[in-house]
C-alpha atoms as a PDB file:
ATOM      1  CA  MET A   1     -11.005 -13.122   8.634  1.00  0.00           C
ATOM      2  CA  LEU A   2      -8.595 -15.958   9.042  1.00  0.00           C
ATOM      3  CA  ALA A   3      -6.898 -17.836   6.231  1.00  0.00           C
ATOM      4  CA  VAL A   4      -3.992 -20.252   6.100  1.00  0.00           C
ATOM      5  CA  VAL A   5      -1.817 -19.975   3.179  1.00  0.00           C
ATOM      6  CA  CYS A   6       1.682 -21.010   2.273  1.00  0.00           C
ATOM      7  CA  ASP A   7       4.361 -18.431   1.407  1.00  0.00           C
ATOM      8  CA  ASP A   8       4.121 -19.476  -2.227  1.00  0.00           C
ATOM      9  CA  HIS A   9       0.626 -18.232  -2.515  1.00  0.00           C
ATOM     10  CA  ARG A  10       0.655 -15.296   0.034  1.00  0.00           C
ATOM     11  CA  THR A  11       1.214 -12.578  -2.609  1.00  0.00           C
ATOM     12  CA  ASP A  12      -1.563 -13.945  -4.760  1.00  0.00           C
ATOM     13  CA  LEU A  13      -4.031 -13.972  -1.820  1.00  0.00           C
ATOM     14  CA  GLU A  14      -2.990 -10.511  -0.652  1.00  0.00           C
ATOM     15  CA  GLU A  15      -3.531  -9.110  -4.122  1.00  0.00           C
ATOM     16  CA  LYS A  16      -6.968 -10.807  -4.246  1.00  0.00           C
ATOM     17  CA  LEU A  17      -8.066  -9.530  -0.991  1.00  0.00           C
ATOM     18  CA  THR A  18      -6.872  -5.995  -1.700  1.00  0.00           C
ATOM     19  CA  ALA A  19      -8.887  -6.092  -5.158  1.00  0.00           C
ATOM     20  CA  MET A  20     -11.984  -7.371  -3.213  1.00  0.00           C
ATOM     21  CA  GLN A  21     -11.709  -4.467  -0.724  1.00  0.00           C
ATOM     22  CA  LYS A  22     -11.410  -1.956  -3.565  1.00  0.00           C
ATOM     23  CA  SER A  23     -14.537  -3.410  -5.202  1.00  0.00           C
ATOM     24  CA  GLU A  24     -16.341  -3.381  -1.806  1.00  0.00           C
ATOM     25  CA  LYS A  25     -16.833  -7.082  -1.844  1.00  0.00           C
ATOM     26  CA  ILE A  26     -15.191  -7.243   1.625  1.00  0.00           C
ATOM     27  CA  PRO A  27     -14.732  -4.523   4.248  1.00  0.00           C
ATOM     28  CA  GLU A  28     -11.754  -2.176   4.135  1.00  0.00           C
ATOM     29  CA  GLY A  29      -9.091  -2.885   6.828  1.00  0.00           C
ATOM     30  CA  ARG A  30      -5.475  -3.861   7.221  1.00  0.00           C
ATOM     31  CA  ILE A  31      -4.411  -7.140   5.737  1.00  0.00           C
ATOM     32  CA  ARG A  32      -1.867  -8.754   8.034  1.00  0.00           C
ATOM     33  CA  PHE A  33      -0.219 -12.156   7.620  1.00  0.00           C
ATOM     34  CA  GLU A  34       1.580 -13.964  10.424  1.00  0.00           C
ATOM     35  CA  SER A  35       3.714 -17.039  10.415  1.00  0.00           C
ATOM     36  CA  ILE A  36       2.239 -20.124  11.899  1.00  0.00           C
ATOM     37  CA  LYS A  37       4.087 -23.063  13.539  1.00  0.00           C
ATOM     38  CA  THR A  38       3.398 -26.723  13.231  1.00  0.00           C
ATOM     39  CA  VAL A  39       1.681 -28.382  16.111  1.00  0.00           C
ATOM     40  CA  THR A  40       1.410 -32.108  16.931  1.00  0.00           C
ATOM     41  CA  THR A  41      -0.551 -33.751  19.739  1.00  0.00           C
ATOM     42  CA  ASP A  42      -0.895 -37.334  21.077  1.00  0.00           C
ATOM     43  CA  CYS A  43      -3.890 -37.797  18.782  1.00  0.00           C
ATOM     44  CA  VAL A  44      -2.656 -35.911  15.780  1.00  0.00           C
ATOM     45  CA  MET A  45       0.849 -36.738  14.813  1.00  0.00           C
ATOM     46  CA  GLY A  46       2.750 -35.180  12.098  1.00  0.00           C
ATOM     47  CA  ILE A  47       4.560 -37.601   9.732  1.00  0.00           C
ATOM     48  CA  ASN A  48       8.093 -37.162   8.394  1.00  0.00           C
ATOM     49  CA  GLU A  49       6.832 -35.752   5.063  1.00  0.00           C
ATOM     50  CA  ASP A  50       4.970 -32.937   6.944  1.00  0.00           C
ATOM     51  CA  TYR A  51       8.185 -31.947   8.684  1.00  0.00           C
ATOM     52  CA  ILE A  52      10.160 -32.210   5.526  1.00  0.00           C
ATOM     53  CA  ASP A  53       7.853 -29.844   3.792  1.00  0.00           C
ATOM     54  CA  VAL A  54       8.054 -27.327   6.646  1.00  0.00           C
ATOM     55  CA  GLU A  55      11.823 -27.649   7.072  1.00  0.00           C
ATOM     56  CA  LEU A  56      13.281 -28.059   3.647  1.00  0.00           C
ATOM     57  CA  ASP A  57      10.657 -26.888   1.149  1.00  0.00           C
ATOM     58  CA  ARG A  58       9.566 -23.887   3.185  1.00  0.00           C
ATOM     59  CA  GLY A  59      12.833 -23.243   4.982  1.00  0.00           C
ATOM     60  CA  MET A  60      11.276 -23.031   8.544  1.00  0.00           C
ATOM     61  CA  ARG A  61      12.270 -24.700  11.693  1.00  0.00           C
ATOM     62  CA  SER A  62       9.941 -27.217  13.138  1.00  0.00           C
ATOM     63  CA  GLU A  63       9.387 -28.849  16.510  1.00  0.00           C
ATOM     64  CA  ARG A  64      10.032 -32.206  15.202  1.00  0.00           C
ATOM     65  CA  LYS A  65      10.969 -34.881  17.877  1.00  0.00           C
ATOM     66  CA  MET A  66      13.840 -37.012  16.864  1.00  0.00           C
ATOM     67  CA  ASP A  67      13.180 -40.761  17.376  1.00  0.00           C
END
């Protein structure tokens, strides 16, 4: 299973997944979360607001290209 979730909602999602495992709605297994990094391409460009969210609101470094 793959899910993308912000740090603000990570704990909630982890608790929900654990409860679903206990009630046998989803298979037992280890729940692992990994950090993701922002990616831009020539056809999909991040706007300043995206980088502000990642850098300031979430406290993560981004790969923003300075103009």
